Amino acid sequence: MSRPTVHDIAKEAGVSLATVDRVLNARPGVRDKTIAKVQAAVARLGYVRDASAANLARQRQYKFAFVLPDGPSQFTDTLKVALRETYASQIADRVSVKVVGIPTHDAHAIVRALLSFDPKRLDGVAIMVPETPQVRDAVHRLKDAGMAVVTLASDLPNSERDYFIGINNVAAGKTAGQLMGRFVGAQGEVLVVTNSLRSRDSLERRLGFDEVMAGDFPRVSVLPSVESYDDSLRMEEIVLEVIMRRPRLAGVYSMGFGNRSLLNALRRSGALDDLIVIAHEITPVTKQALVQNEISAVITQNVGHLVRSALRVLRSLCDDMPIFDAQERIRIDVVLRENLP
């Protein structure tokens, strides 16, 4: 089926092509009722405007930065690979992208990186950073300077960012809760681990997980969160200690990206055969663990979709064009050994 065009919109809305053009480009001279008709037609048809030709004609070049965590995160590595692949396909759209690495547990370093961007040389940023007051202030300053700001994978809902691109992390935590409760059975204890609860994705996942466990599986006891702060030795030592001290431990829920050290600890403990382990994101480590039956399930999202969505949304913000939420909604996927991609 061919993509809908402006001619289709005009026919669907019962207006002229000139009116459709004025609405799509947010030009004055159109009544509110007519604007609503055109927008409704756009939604019904699933029209997505391709601004490439117009931007090429006027030599428009977008300049974006992706601010991603430094450190041993295989999820970040997969994002960078997806960004390189997507960027190669976006060259015709005159998009220039740079990746800026930041230490996630140094709020001041994050702020310095964000405030180093020159709004005269950069159109927008996609950021994946923990939520702190300093970061919120830095986002405010970027917005004041006229820059488009989107959050990626982990949101900053209390900031002035323009758009969040990622899964519903509360729903992802609820999904983990349902899986854990059903796999573990009637009772036992569950350990929850993450890099840091300062990352909004982990915080929201914990909220969703707790809601389901308390409501649907009240006889399963969920232990306080363990935070590693990207310290693999800390993660291994704490997990080993919990396993030694908690004979009723039945499951482990890993909310963050640091699964290598968690799995190392579980292997050293010899308890993997007795535990249900649920993690997030398909990486080489989690994929191998699924194959070997060391992880029961992985809750994941399509990183290619994340990156493509970020570029589309940033371009739309720069062009003052509407963002089609349905197109940018990231799906929550559950991967088992039996349905590994």
C-alpha atoms as a PDB file:
ATOM      1  CA  MET A   1       0.000   0.000   0.000  1.00  0.00           C
ATOM      2  CA  SER A   2       1.373   3.435  -0.980  1.00  0.00           C
ATOM      3  CA  ARG A   3       2.012   6.089   1.625  1.00  0.00           C
ATOM      4  CA  PRO A   4      -0.739   8.706   2.037  1.00  0.00           C
ATOM      5  CA  THR A   5      -0.045  12.084   0.427  1.00  0.00           C
ATOM      6  CA  VAL A   6      -1.217  15.654   0.931  1.00  0.00           C
ATOM      7  CA  HIS A   7      -3.742  15.005  -1.873  1.00  0.00           C
ATOM      8  CA  ASP A   8      -5.223  12.195   0.223  1.00  0.00           C
ATOM      9  CA  ILE A   9      -5.413  14.492   3.254  1.00  0.00           C
ATOM     10  CA  ALA A  10      -7.189  17.184   1.241  1.00  0.00           C
ATOM     11  CA  LYS A  11      -9.711  14.671  -0.068  1.00  0.00           C
ATOM     12  CA  GLU A  12     -10.263  13.097   3.349  1.00  0.00           C
ATOM     13  CA  ALA A  13     -10.740  16.464   5.068  1.00  0.00           C
ATOM     14  CA  GLY A  14     -12.720  18.047   2.217  1.00  0.00           C
ATOM     15  CA  VAL A  15     -10.387  21.041   1.902  1.00  0.00           C
ATOM     16  CA  SER A  16      -7.997  22.433  -0.688  1.00  0.00           C
ATOM     17  CA  LEU A  17      -4.330  21.529  -1.075  1.00  0.00           C
ATOM     18  CA  ALA A  18      -3.429  25.088  -0.110  1.00  0.00           C
ATOM     19  CA  THR A  19      -5.301  24.692   3.175  1.00  0.00           C
ATOM     20  CA  VAL A  20      -3.550  21.415   3.923  1.00  0.00           C
ATOM     21  CA  ASP A  21      -0.189  23.094   3.231  1.00  0.00           C
ATOM     22  CA  ARG A  22      -1.009  25.965   5.579  1.00  0.00           C
ATOM     23  CA  VAL A  23      -2.028  23.599   8.377  1.00  0.00           C
ATOM     24  CA  LEU A  24       0.970  21.290   7.991  1.00  0.00           C
ATOM     25  CA  ASN A  25       3.333  24.257   8.042  1.00  0.00           C
ATOM     26  CA  ALA A  26       1.496  26.013  10.903  1.00  0.00           C
ATOM     27  CA  ARG A  27       0.844  29.127   8.841  1.00  0.00           C
ATOM     28  CA  PRO A  28      -1.920  31.578   9.825  1.00  0.00           C
ATOM     29  CA  GLY A  29      -5.206  32.163   8.055  1.00  0.00           C
ATOM     30  CA  VAL A  30      -6.986  28.876   8.804  1.00  0.00           C
ATOM     31  CA  ARG A  31      -9.974  28.557  11.131  1.00  0.00           C
ATOM     32  CA  ASP A  32      -9.635  26.322  14.200  1.00  0.00           C
ATOM     33  CA  LYS A  33     -12.443  24.064  12.944  1.00  0.00           C
ATOM     34  CA  THR A  34     -10.633  23.521   9.639  1.00  0.00           C
ATOM     35  CA  ILE A  35      -7.321  22.872  11.388  1.00  0.00           C
ATOM     36  CA  ALA A  36      -9.033  20.201  13.480  1.00  0.00           C
ATOM     37  CA  LYS A  37     -10.476  18.565  10.338  1.00  0.00           C
ATOM     38  CA  VAL A  38      -7.067  18.426   8.670  1.00  0.00           C
ATOM     39  CA  GLN A  39      -5.367  17.081  11.794  1.00  0.00           C
ATOM     40  CA  ALA A  40      -8.055  14.414  12.159  1.00  0.00           C
ATOM     41  CA  ALA A  41      -7.519  13.384   8.537  1.00  0.00           C
ATOM     42  CA  VAL A  42      -3.763  13.184   9.125  1.00  0.00           C
ATOM     43  CA  ALA A  43      -4.335  10.905  12.120  1.00  0.00           C
ATOM     44  CA  ARG A  44      -6.814   8.654  10.301  1.00  0.00           C
ATOM     45  CA  LEU A  45      -4.565   8.218   7.286  1.00  0.00           C
ATOM     46  CA  GLY A  46      -1.398   7.741   9.301  1.00  0.00           C
ATOM     47  CA  TYR A  47       0.314  10.454   7.268  1.00  0.00           C
ATOM     48  CA  VAL A  48       3.979  11.132   8.140  1.00  0.00           C
ATOM     49  CA  ARG A  49       5.482  14.125   6.439  1.00  0.00           C
ATOM     50  CA  ASP A  50       8.781  13.564   4.660  1.00  0.00           C
ATOM     51  CA  ALA A  51      10.626  16.840   4.998  1.00  0.00           C
ATOM     52  CA  SER A  52      13.813  15.526   3.391  1.00  0.00           C
ATOM     53  CA  ALA A  53      13.337  17.063  -0.049  1.00  0.00           C
ATOM     54  CA  ALA A  54      12.379  20.461   1.298  1.00  0.00           C
ATOM     55  CA  ASN A  55      15.304  20.470   3.702  1.00  0.00           C
ATOM     56  CA  LEU A  56      17.709  19.389   0.985  1.00  0.00           C
ATOM     57  CA  ALA A  57      16.450  22.137  -1.322  1.00  0.00           C
ATOM     58  CA  ARG A  58      17.118  24.812   1.273  1.00  0.00           C
ATOM     59  CA  GLN A  59      20.399  23.183   2.352  1.00  0.00           C
ATOM     60  CA  ARG A  60      19.048  22.469   5.831  1.00  0.00           C
ATOM     61  CA  GLN A  61      21.460  20.404   7.916  1.00  0.00           C
ATOM     62  CA  TYR A  62      20.523  19.094  11.343  1.00  0.00           C
ATOM     63  CA  LYS A  63      23.234  18.835  13.988  1.00  0.00           C
ATOM     64  CA  PHE A  64      22.454  16.577  16.939  1.00  0.00           C
ATOM     65  CA  ALA A  65      24.320  15.134  19.912  1.00  0.00           C
ATOM     66  CA  PHE A  66      23.577  11.910  21.801  1.00  0.00           C
ATOM     67  CA  VAL A  67      24.701  12.050  25.426  1.00  0.00           C
ATOM     68  CA  LEU A  68      25.206   8.461  26.623  1.00  0.00           C
ATOM     69  CA  PRO A  69      26.759   6.856  29.718  1.00  0.00           C
ATOM     70  CA  ASP A  70      30.417   5.933  29.741  1.00  0.00           C
ATOM     71  CA  GLY A  71      31.478   2.670  31.316  1.00  0.00           C
ATOM     72  CA  PRO A  72      30.967  -1.051  30.805  1.00  0.00           C
ATOM     73  CA  SER A  73      27.341  -1.015  29.662  1.00  0.00           C
ATOM     74  CA  GLN A  74      26.533  -3.422  26.857  1.00  0.00           C
ATOM     75  CA  PHE A  75      23.161  -1.718  26.410  1.00  0.00           C
ATOM     76  CA  THR A  76      24.929   1.562  25.684  1.00  0.00           C
ATOM     77  CA  ASP A  77      27.183  -0.304  23.256  1.00  0.00           C
ATOM     78  CA  THR A  78      24.141  -1.659  21.398  1.00  0.00           C
ATOM     79  CA  LEU A  79      22.712   1.859  21.258  1.00  0.00           C
ATOM     80  CA  LYS A  80      25.914   3.153  19.702  1.00  0.00           C
ATOM     81  CA  VAL A  81      25.880   0.389  17.091  1.00  0.00           C
ATOM     82  CA  ALA A  82      22.236   1.161  16.261  1.00  0.00           C
ATOM     83  CA  LEU A  83      23.090   4.858  16.041  1.00  0.00           C
ATOM     84  CA  ARG A  84      25.897   4.197  13.555  1.00  0.00           C
ATOM     85  CA  GLU A  85      23.616   2.019  11.436  1.00  0.00           C
ATOM     86  CA  THR A  86      20.760   4.523  11.526  1.00  0.00           C
ATOM     87  CA  TYR A  87      23.022   7.487  10.913  1.00  0.00           C
ATOM     88  CA  ALA A  88      24.317   5.853   7.745  1.00  0.00           C
ATOM     89  CA  SER A  89      20.760   5.724   6.444  1.00  0.00           C
ATOM     90  CA  GLN A  90      20.056   9.348   7.391  1.00  0.00           C
ATOM     91  CA  ILE A  91      22.904  11.031   5.483  1.00  0.00           C
ATOM     92  CA  ALA A  92      20.546  11.931   2.631  1.00  0.00           C
ATOM     93  CA  ASP A  93      18.497  13.844   5.190  1.00  0.00           C
ATOM     94  CA  ARG A  94      21.559  15.969   6.020  1.00  0.00           C
ATOM     95  CA  VAL A  95      21.856  14.834   9.625  1.00  0.00           C
ATOM     96  CA  SER A  96      25.106  15.207  11.547  1.00  0.00           C
ATOM     97  CA  VAL A  97      25.379  13.230  14.803  1.00  0.00           C
ATOM     98  CA  LYS A  98      28.029  13.110  17.499  1.00  0.00           C
ATOM     99  CA  VAL A  99      28.129  10.892  20.584  1.00  0.00           C
ATOM    100  CA  VAL A 100      29.243  12.377  23.892  1.00  0.00           C
ATOM    101  CA  GLY A 101      30.121   9.996  26.715  1.00  0.00           C
ATOM    102  CA  ILE A 102      29.544  11.057  30.323  1.00  0.00           C
ATOM    103  CA  PRO A 103      30.192   9.471  33.748  1.00  0.00           C
ATOM    104  CA  THR A 104      26.685   8.753  35.002  1.00  0.00           C
ATOM    105  CA  HIS A 105      27.531   9.031  38.710  1.00  0.00           C
ATOM    106  CA  ASP A 106      29.117  12.495  38.510  1.00  0.00           C
ATOM    107  CA  ALA A 107      26.274  15.012  38.264  1.00  0.00           C
ATOM    108  CA  HIS A 108      28.674  17.935  37.869  1.00  0.00           C
ATOM    109  CA  ALA A 109      30.474  16.280  34.952  1.00  0.00           C
ATOM    110  CA  ILE A 110      27.107  15.632  33.278  1.00  0.00           C
ATOM    111  CA  VAL A 111      26.154  19.283  33.688  1.00  0.00           C
ATOM    112  CA  ARG A 112      29.494  20.469  32.318  1.00  0.00           C
ATOM    113  CA  ALA A 113      28.980  18.292  29.243  1.00  0.00           C
ATOM    114  CA  LEU A 114      25.424  19.557  28.662  1.00  0.00           C
ATOM    115  CA  LEU A 115      26.361  23.202  29.120  1.00  0.00           C
ATOM    116  CA  SER A 116      29.341  22.875  26.779  1.00  0.00           C
ATOM    117  CA  PHE A 117      26.973  22.629  23.798  1.00  0.00           C
ATOM    118  CA  ASP A 118      26.821  25.745  21.651  1.00  0.00           C
ATOM    119  CA  PRO A 119      23.220  26.356  20.499  1.00  0.00           C
ATOM    120  CA  LYS A 120      24.596  28.143  17.440  1.00  0.00           C
ATOM    121  CA  ARG A 121      26.314  24.934  16.348  1.00  0.00           C
ATOM    122  CA  LEU A 122      23.885  22.317  17.627  1.00  0.00           C
ATOM    123  CA  ASP A 123      20.154  21.951  16.975  1.00  0.00           C
ATOM    124  CA  GLY A 124      19.222  19.329  19.536  1.00  0.00           C
ATOM    125  CA  VAL A 125      20.349  16.678  22.003  1.00  0.00           C
ATOM    126  CA  ALA A 126      19.154  13.231  23.034  1.00  0.00           C
ATOM    127  CA  ILE A 127      20.218  12.476  26.591  1.00  0.00           C
ATOM    128  CA  MET A 128      20.342   9.327  28.711  1.00  0.00           C
ATOM    129  CA  VAL A 129      21.367  10.527  32.171  1.00  0.00           C
ATOM    130  CA  PRO A 130      20.232  10.160  35.810  1.00  0.00           C
ATOM    131  CA  GLU A 131      17.727  12.654  37.161  1.00  0.00           C
ATOM    132  CA  THR A 132      19.247  15.204  39.553  1.00  0.00           C
ATOM    133  CA  PRO A 133      18.449  18.853  40.336  1.00  0.00           C
ATOM    134  CA  GLN A 134      21.652  19.890  38.569  1.00  0.00           C
ATOM    135  CA  VAL A 135      20.675  18.021  35.414  1.00  0.00           C
ATOM    136  CA  ARG A 136      17.187  19.539  35.457  1.00  0.00           C
ATOM    137  CA  ASP A 137      18.741  23.016  35.691  1.00  0.00           C
ATOM    138  CA  ALA A 138      21.059  22.234  32.772  1.00  0.00           C
ATOM    139  CA  VAL A 139      18.107  21.105  30.634  1.00  0.00           C
ATOM    140  CA  HIS A 140      16.331  24.358  31.505  1.00  0.00           C
ATOM    141  CA  ARG A 141      19.332  26.336  30.261  1.00  0.00           C
ATOM    142  CA  LEU A 142      19.500  24.349  27.028  1.00  0.00           C
ATOM    143  CA  LYS A 143      15.802  25.005  26.402  1.00  0.00           C
ATOM    144  CA  ASP A 144      16.260  28.701  27.159  1.00  0.00           C
ATOM    145  CA  ALA A 145      18.976  28.733  24.500  1.00  0.00           C
ATOM    146  CA  GLY A 146      16.492  27.340  21.963  1.00  0.00           C
ATOM    147  CA  MET A 147      17.775  23.793  21.738  1.00  0.00           C
ATOM    148  CA  ALA A 148      15.534  20.734  21.261  1.00  0.00           C
ATOM    149  CA  VAL A 149      15.985  18.218  24.100  1.00  0.00           C
ATOM    150  CA  VAL A 150      14.697  14.637  24.204  1.00  0.00           C
ATOM    151  CA  THR A 151      15.358  11.942  26.778  1.00  0.00           C
ATOM    152  CA  LEU A 152      16.296   8.435  25.698  1.00  0.00           C
ATOM    153  CA  ALA A 153      15.430   5.161  27.516  1.00  0.00           C
ATOM    154  CA  SER A 154      15.406   6.878  30.940  1.00  0.00           C
ATOM    155  CA  ASP A 155      13.176   9.919  31.362  1.00  0.00           C
ATOM    156  CA  LEU A 156      13.546  13.266  33.160  1.00  0.00           C
ATOM    157  CA  PRO A 157       9.817  13.971  33.609  1.00  0.00           C
ATOM    158  CA  ASN A 158      10.340  16.866  36.021  1.00  0.00           C
ATOM    159  CA  SER A 159      12.576  18.739  33.591  1.00  0.00           C
ATOM    160  CA  GLU A 160      11.644  20.875  30.598  1.00  0.00           C
ATOM    161  CA  ARG A 161      12.673  18.246  28.063  1.00  0.00           C
ATOM    162  CA  ASP A 162      10.532  18.180  24.928  1.00  0.00           C
ATOM    163  CA  TYR A 163       9.861  14.449  24.568  1.00  0.00           C
ATOM    164  CA  PHE A 164      10.681  11.057  26.080  1.00  0.00           C
ATOM    165  CA  ILE A 165      11.656   8.175  23.794  1.00  0.00           C
ATOM    166  CA  GLY A 166      11.524   4.774  25.426  1.00  0.00           C
ATOM    167  CA  ILE A 167       9.277   2.143  26.880  1.00  0.00           C
ATOM    168  CA  ASN A 168       6.821   2.733  29.706  1.00  0.00           C
ATOM    169  CA  ASN A 169       9.153   1.668  32.506  1.00  0.00           C
ATOM    170  CA  VAL A 170       6.417   1.309  35.115  1.00  0.00           C
ATOM    171  CA  ALA A 171       4.692  -1.143  32.759  1.00  0.00           C
ATOM    172  CA  ALA A 172       8.030  -2.902  32.209  1.00  0.00           C
ATOM    173  CA  GLY A 173       8.406  -3.329  35.973  1.00  0.00           C
ATOM    174  CA  LYS A 174       4.860  -4.682  36.199  1.00  0.00           C
ATOM    175  CA  THR A 175       5.687  -7.151  33.436  1.00  0.00           C
ATOM    176  CA  ALA A 176       8.727  -8.300  35.401  1.00  0.00           C
ATOM    177  CA  GLY A 177       6.544  -8.674  38.480  1.00  0.00           C
ATOM    178  CA  GLN A 178       4.039 -10.899  36.695  1.00  0.00           C
ATOM    179  CA  LEU A 179       6.810 -13.068  35.275  1.00  0.00           C
ATOM    180  CA  MET A 180       8.625 -13.318  38.593  1.00  0.00           C
ATOM    181  CA  GLY A 181       5.501 -14.088  40.603  1.00  0.00           C
ATOM    182  CA  ARG A 182       4.351 -16.806  38.227  1.00  0.00           C
ATOM    183  CA  PHE A 183       7.791 -18.375  37.850  1.00  0.00           C
ATOM    184  CA  VAL A 184       8.702 -18.298  41.546  1.00  0.00           C
ATOM    185  CA  GLY A 185       5.422 -19.720  42.780  1.00  0.00           C
ATOM    186  CA  ALA A 186       3.628 -19.251  46.071  1.00  0.00           C
ATOM    187  CA  GLN A 187       6.377 -17.899  48.329  1.00  0.00           C
ATOM    188  CA  GLY A 188      10.023 -17.031  48.820  1.00  0.00           C
ATOM    189  CA  GLU A 189      12.207 -13.921  48.614  1.00  0.00           C
ATOM    190  CA  VAL A 190      13.261 -11.866  45.596  1.00  0.00           C
ATOM    191  CA  LEU A 191      16.410  -9.740  45.384  1.00  0.00           C
ATOM    192  CA  VAL A 192      16.259  -6.566  43.251  1.00  0.00           C
ATOM    193  CA  VAL A 193      19.501  -5.129  41.821  1.00  0.00           C
ATOM    194  CA  THR A 194      20.347  -2.122  39.643  1.00  0.00           C
ATOM    195  CA  ASN A 195      23.097   0.351  38.862  1.00  0.00           C
ATOM    196  CA  SER A 196      21.389   3.261  40.618  1.00  0.00           C
ATOM    197  CA  LEU A 197      17.889   4.311  41.584  1.00  0.00           C
ATOM    198  CA  ARG A 198      18.823   7.835  40.505  1.00  0.00           C
ATOM    199  CA  SER A 199      18.153   6.565  36.989  1.00  0.00           C
ATOM    200  CA  ARG A 200      14.474   7.137  36.383  1.00  0.00           C
ATOM    201  CA  ASP A 201      14.034   3.909  34.442  1.00  0.00           C
ATOM    202  CA  SER A 202      15.139   1.821  37.434  1.00  0.00           C
ATOM    203  CA  LEU A 203      13.012   3.824  39.860  1.00  0.00           C
ATOM    204  CA  GLU A 204       9.896   3.400  37.723  1.00  0.00           C
ATOM    205  CA  ARG A 205      10.576  -0.293  37.147  1.00  0.00           C
ATOM    206  CA  ARG A 206      10.857  -0.816  40.892  1.00  0.00           C
ATOM    207  CA  LEU A 207       7.520   0.963  41.452  1.00  0.00           C
ATOM    208  CA  GLY A 208       5.767  -1.204  38.864  1.00  0.00           C
ATOM    209  CA  PHE A 209       7.408  -4.392  40.143  1.00  0.00           C
ATOM    210  CA  ASP A 210       6.409  -3.688  43.752  1.00  0.00           C
ATOM    211  CA  GLU A 211       2.817  -2.898  42.787  1.00  0.00           C
ATOM    212  CA  VAL A 212       2.317  -6.251  41.076  1.00  0.00           C
ATOM    213  CA  MET A 213       4.189  -8.294  43.670  1.00  0.00           C
ATOM    214  CA  ALA A 214       2.257  -6.753  46.575  1.00  0.00           C
ATOM    215  CA  GLY A 215      -1.096  -7.013  44.836  1.00  0.00           C
ATOM    216  CA  ASP A 216      -0.877 -10.379  43.049  1.00  0.00           C
ATOM    217  CA  PHE A 217       1.831 -12.296  44.932  1.00  0.00           C
ATOM    218  CA  PRO A 218       1.712 -11.086  48.562  1.00  0.00           C
ATOM    219  CA  ARG A 219       3.424 -14.215  49.921  1.00  0.00           C
ATOM    220  CA  VAL A 220       6.581 -13.433  47.951  1.00  0.00           C
ATOM    221  CA  SER A 221       8.819 -11.044  49.899  1.00  0.00           C
ATOM    222  CA  VAL A 222      10.696  -8.424  47.837  1.00  0.00           C
ATOM    223  CA  LEU A 223      13.996  -7.296  49.395  1.00  0.00           C
ATOM    224  CA  PRO A 224      15.340  -3.716  49.304  1.00  0.00           C
ATOM    225  CA  SER A 225      17.139  -2.671  46.109  1.00  0.00           C
ATOM    226  CA  VAL A 226      20.876  -3.226  45.816  1.00  0.00           C
ATOM    227  CA  GLU A 227      22.709  -0.472  43.879  1.00  0.00           C
ATOM    228  CA  SER A 228      26.125  -1.153  42.362  1.00  0.00           C
ATOM    229  CA  TYR A 229      26.962   2.351  41.040  1.00  0.00           C
ATOM    230  CA  ASP A 230      28.744   0.629  38.124  1.00  0.00           C
ATOM    231  CA  ASP A 231      31.114  -1.080  40.590  1.00  0.00           C
ATOM    232  CA  SER A 232      31.224  -4.706  39.468  1.00  0.00           C
ATOM    233  CA  LEU A 233      33.093  -5.902  42.573  1.00  0.00           C
ATOM    234  CA  ARG A 234      30.502  -4.274  44.828  1.00  0.00           C
ATOM    235  CA  MET A 235      27.706  -6.002  42.926  1.00  0.00           C
ATOM    236  CA  GLU A 236      29.360  -9.427  43.156  1.00  0.00           C
ATOM    237  CA  GLU A 237      30.152  -9.109  46.867  1.00  0.00           C
ATOM    238  CA  ILE A 238      26.658  -7.958  47.855  1.00  0.00           C
ATOM    239  CA  VAL A 239      24.894 -10.606  45.768  1.00  0.00           C
ATOM    240  CA  LEU A 240      27.095 -13.366  47.197  1.00  0.00           C
ATOM    241  CA  GLU A 241      26.421 -12.150  50.737  1.00  0.00           C
ATOM    242  CA  VAL A 242      22.650 -12.041  50.164  1.00  0.00           C
ATOM    243  CA  ILE A 243      22.645 -15.579  48.782  1.00  0.00           C
ATOM    244  CA  MET A 244      24.600 -16.840  51.796  1.00  0.00           C
ATOM    245  CA  ARG A 245      22.332 -15.106  54.305  1.00  0.00           C
ATOM    246  CA  ARG A 246      18.956 -15.700  52.584  1.00  0.00           C
ATOM    247  CA  PRO A 247      18.165 -19.399  52.268  1.00  0.00           C
ATOM    248  CA  ARG A 248      14.604 -18.551  51.100  1.00  0.00           C
ATOM    249  CA  LEU A 249      15.879 -16.564  48.114  1.00  0.00           C
ATOM    250  CA  ALA A 250      13.909 -17.691  45.069  1.00  0.00           C
ATOM    251  CA  GLY A 251      14.514 -15.005  42.448  1.00  0.00           C
ATOM    252  CA  VAL A 252      16.611 -12.048  41.299  1.00  0.00           C
ATOM    253  CA  TYR A 253      15.277  -9.087  39.321  1.00  0.00           C
ATOM    254  CA  SER A 254      17.934  -7.014  37.557  1.00  0.00           C
ATOM    255  CA  MET A 255      16.460  -3.616  36.650  1.00  0.00           C
ATOM    256  CA  GLY A 256      19.539  -2.050  35.092  1.00  0.00           C
ATOM    257  CA  PHE A 257      22.203  -2.837  32.525  1.00  0.00           C
ATOM    258  CA  GLY A 258      24.992  -4.330  34.676  1.00  0.00           C
ATOM    259  CA  ASN A 259      24.193  -8.007  34.272  1.00  0.00           C
ATOM    260  CA  ARG A 260      27.713  -9.362  33.746  1.00  0.00           C
ATOM    261  CA  SER A 261      28.783  -8.924  37.389  1.00  0.00           C
ATOM    262  CA  LEU A 262      25.407 -10.196  38.648  1.00  0.00           C
ATOM    263  CA  LEU A 263      25.739 -13.382  36.617  1.00  0.00           C
ATOM    264  CA  ASN A 264      29.348 -13.811  37.735  1.00  0.00           C
ATOM    265  CA  ALA A 265      28.208 -13.701  41.361  1.00  0.00           C
ATOM    266  CA  LEU A 266      25.376 -16.148  40.749  1.00  0.00           C
ATOM    267  CA  ARG A 267      27.727 -18.558  38.999  1.00  0.00           C
ATOM    268  CA  ARG A 268      30.235 -18.347  41.846  1.00  0.00           C
ATOM    269  CA  SER A 269      27.487 -19.027  44.379  1.00  0.00           C
ATOM    270  CA  GLY A 270      26.324 -22.184  42.623  1.00  0.00           C
ATOM    271  CA  ALA A 271      22.722 -21.027  43.115  1.00  0.00           C
ATOM    272  CA  LEU A 272      21.766 -20.382  39.497  1.00  0.00           C
ATOM    273  CA  ASP A 273      19.906 -23.677  39.139  1.00  0.00           C
ATOM    274  CA  ASP A 274      17.659 -22.741  42.069  1.00  0.00           C
ATOM    275  CA  LEU A 275      16.880 -19.106  41.161  1.00  0.00           C
ATOM    276  CA  ILE A 276      14.558 -17.363  38.733  1.00  0.00           C
ATOM    277  CA  VAL A 277      16.491 -14.486  37.133  1.00  0.00           C
ATOM    278  CA  ILE A 278      14.739 -11.759  35.144  1.00  0.00           C
ATOM    279  CA  ALA A 279      16.738  -9.000  33.473  1.00  0.00           C
ATOM    280  CA  HIS A 280      16.396  -6.131  30.994  1.00  0.00           C
ATOM    281  CA  GLU A 281      17.749  -5.623  27.462  1.00  0.00           C
ATOM    282  CA  ILE A 282      19.097  -8.159  24.974  1.00  0.00           C
ATOM    283  CA  THR A 283      22.903  -7.905  24.924  1.00  0.00           C
ATOM    284  CA  PRO A 284      25.568 -10.521  24.223  1.00  0.00           C
ATOM    285  CA  VAL A 285      25.696 -11.281  27.969  1.00  0.00           C
ATOM    286  CA  THR A 286      21.946 -11.706  28.504  1.00  0.00           C
ATOM    287  CA  LYS A 287      21.537 -13.574  25.234  1.00  0.00           C
ATOM    288  CA  GLN A 288      24.178 -16.127  26.210  1.00  0.00           C
ATOM    289  CA  ALA A 289      22.625 -16.439  29.670  1.00  0.00           C
ATOM    290  CA  LEU A 290      19.228 -17.145  28.107  1.00  0.00           C
ATOM    291  CA  VAL A 291      20.725 -19.842  25.885  1.00  0.00           C
ATOM    292  CA  GLN A 292      22.385 -21.438  28.922  1.00  0.00           C
ATOM    293  CA  ASN A 293      19.173 -21.269  30.998  1.00  0.00           C
ATOM    294  CA  GLU A 294      20.803 -18.913  33.513  1.00  0.00           C
ATOM    295  CA  ILE A 295      18.210 -16.188  32.883  1.00  0.00           C
ATOM    296  CA  SER A 296      14.529 -17.064  32.705  1.00  0.00           C
ATOM    297  CA  ALA A 297      13.333 -14.005  30.768  1.00  0.00           C
ATOM    298  CA  VAL A 298      14.583 -10.687  29.400  1.00  0.00           C
ATOM    299  CA  ILE A 299      12.359  -7.629  29.049  1.00  0.00           C
ATOM    300  CA  THR A 300      13.666  -5.600  26.158  1.00  0.00           C
ATOM    301  CA  GLN A 301      13.077  -2.797  23.659  1.00  0.00           C
ATOM    302  CA  ASN A 302      14.158  -2.315  20.060  1.00  0.00           C
ATOM    303  CA  VAL A 303      17.249  -0.089  20.188  1.00  0.00           C
ATOM    304  CA  GLY A 304      17.028   0.603  16.460  1.00  0.00           C
ATOM    305  CA  HIS A 305      13.536   1.986  16.995  1.00  0.00           C
ATOM    306  CA  LEU A 306      14.836   4.084  19.902  1.00  0.00           C
ATOM    307  CA  VAL A 307      17.504   5.726  17.772  1.00  0.00           C
ATOM    308  CA  ARG A 308      15.331   6.222  14.687  1.00  0.00           C
ATOM    309  CA  SER A 309      12.604   7.716  16.851  1.00  0.00           C
ATOM    310  CA  ALA A 310      15.053  10.095  18.513  1.00  0.00           C
ATOM    311  CA  LEU A 311      16.230  11.409  15.133  1.00  0.00           C
ATOM    312  CA  ARG A 312      12.668  11.772  13.817  1.00  0.00           C
ATOM    313  CA  VAL A 313      11.481  13.598  16.934  1.00  0.00           C
ATOM    314  CA  LEU A 314      14.482  15.920  17.033  1.00  0.00           C
ATOM    315  CA  ARG A 315      13.927  16.832  13.366  1.00  0.00           C
ATOM    316  CA  SER A 316      10.221  17.435  13.994  1.00  0.00           C
ATOM    317  CA  LEU A 317      11.028  19.697  16.942  1.00  0.00           C
ATOM    318  CA  CYS A 318      13.540  21.664  14.865  1.00  0.00           C
ATOM    319  CA  ASP A 319      11.001  22.078  12.051  1.00  0.00           C
ATOM    320  CA  ASP A 320       8.120  22.836  14.440  1.00  0.00           C
ATOM    321  CA  MET A 321       6.253  19.878  12.976  1.00  0.00           C
ATOM    322  CA  PRO A 322       3.799  17.581  14.783  1.00  0.00           C
ATOM    323  CA  ILE A 323       5.123  14.421  16.432  1.00  0.00           C
ATOM    324  CA  PHE A 324       3.103  11.293  15.743  1.00  0.00           C
ATOM    325  CA  ASP A 325       3.018   9.517  19.096  1.00  0.00           C
ATOM    326  CA  ALA A 326       1.829   6.212  17.648  1.00  0.00           C
ATOM    327  CA  GLN A 327       4.872   6.040  15.383  1.00  0.00           C
ATOM    328  CA  GLU A 328       7.275   6.821  18.226  1.00  0.00           C
ATOM    329  CA  ARG A 329       5.772   4.471  20.845  1.00  0.00           C
ATOM    330  CA  ILE A 330       8.392   1.897  21.850  1.00  0.00           C
ATOM    331  CA  ARG A 331       7.043  -1.605  22.476  1.00  0.00           C
ATOM    332  CA  ILE A 332       7.892  -3.759  25.497  1.00  0.00           C
ATOM    333  CA  ASP A 333       9.077  -7.203  24.375  1.00  0.00           C
ATOM    334  CA  VAL A 334       9.574 -10.321  26.497  1.00  0.00           C
ATOM    335  CA  VAL A 335      12.285 -12.689  25.271  1.00  0.00           C
ATOM    336  CA  LEU A 336      12.651 -16.277  26.452  1.00  0.00           C
ATOM    337  CA  ARG A 337      15.188 -18.849  25.325  1.00  0.00           C
ATOM    338  CA  GLU A 338      12.524 -20.295  23.045  1.00  0.00           C
ATOM    339  CA  ASN A 339      11.905 -17.059  21.101  1.00  0.00           C
ATOM    340  CA  LEU A 340      15.422 -15.599  20.993  1.00  0.00           C
ATOM    341  CA  PRO A 341      15.898 -13.381  17.917  1.00  0.00           C
END
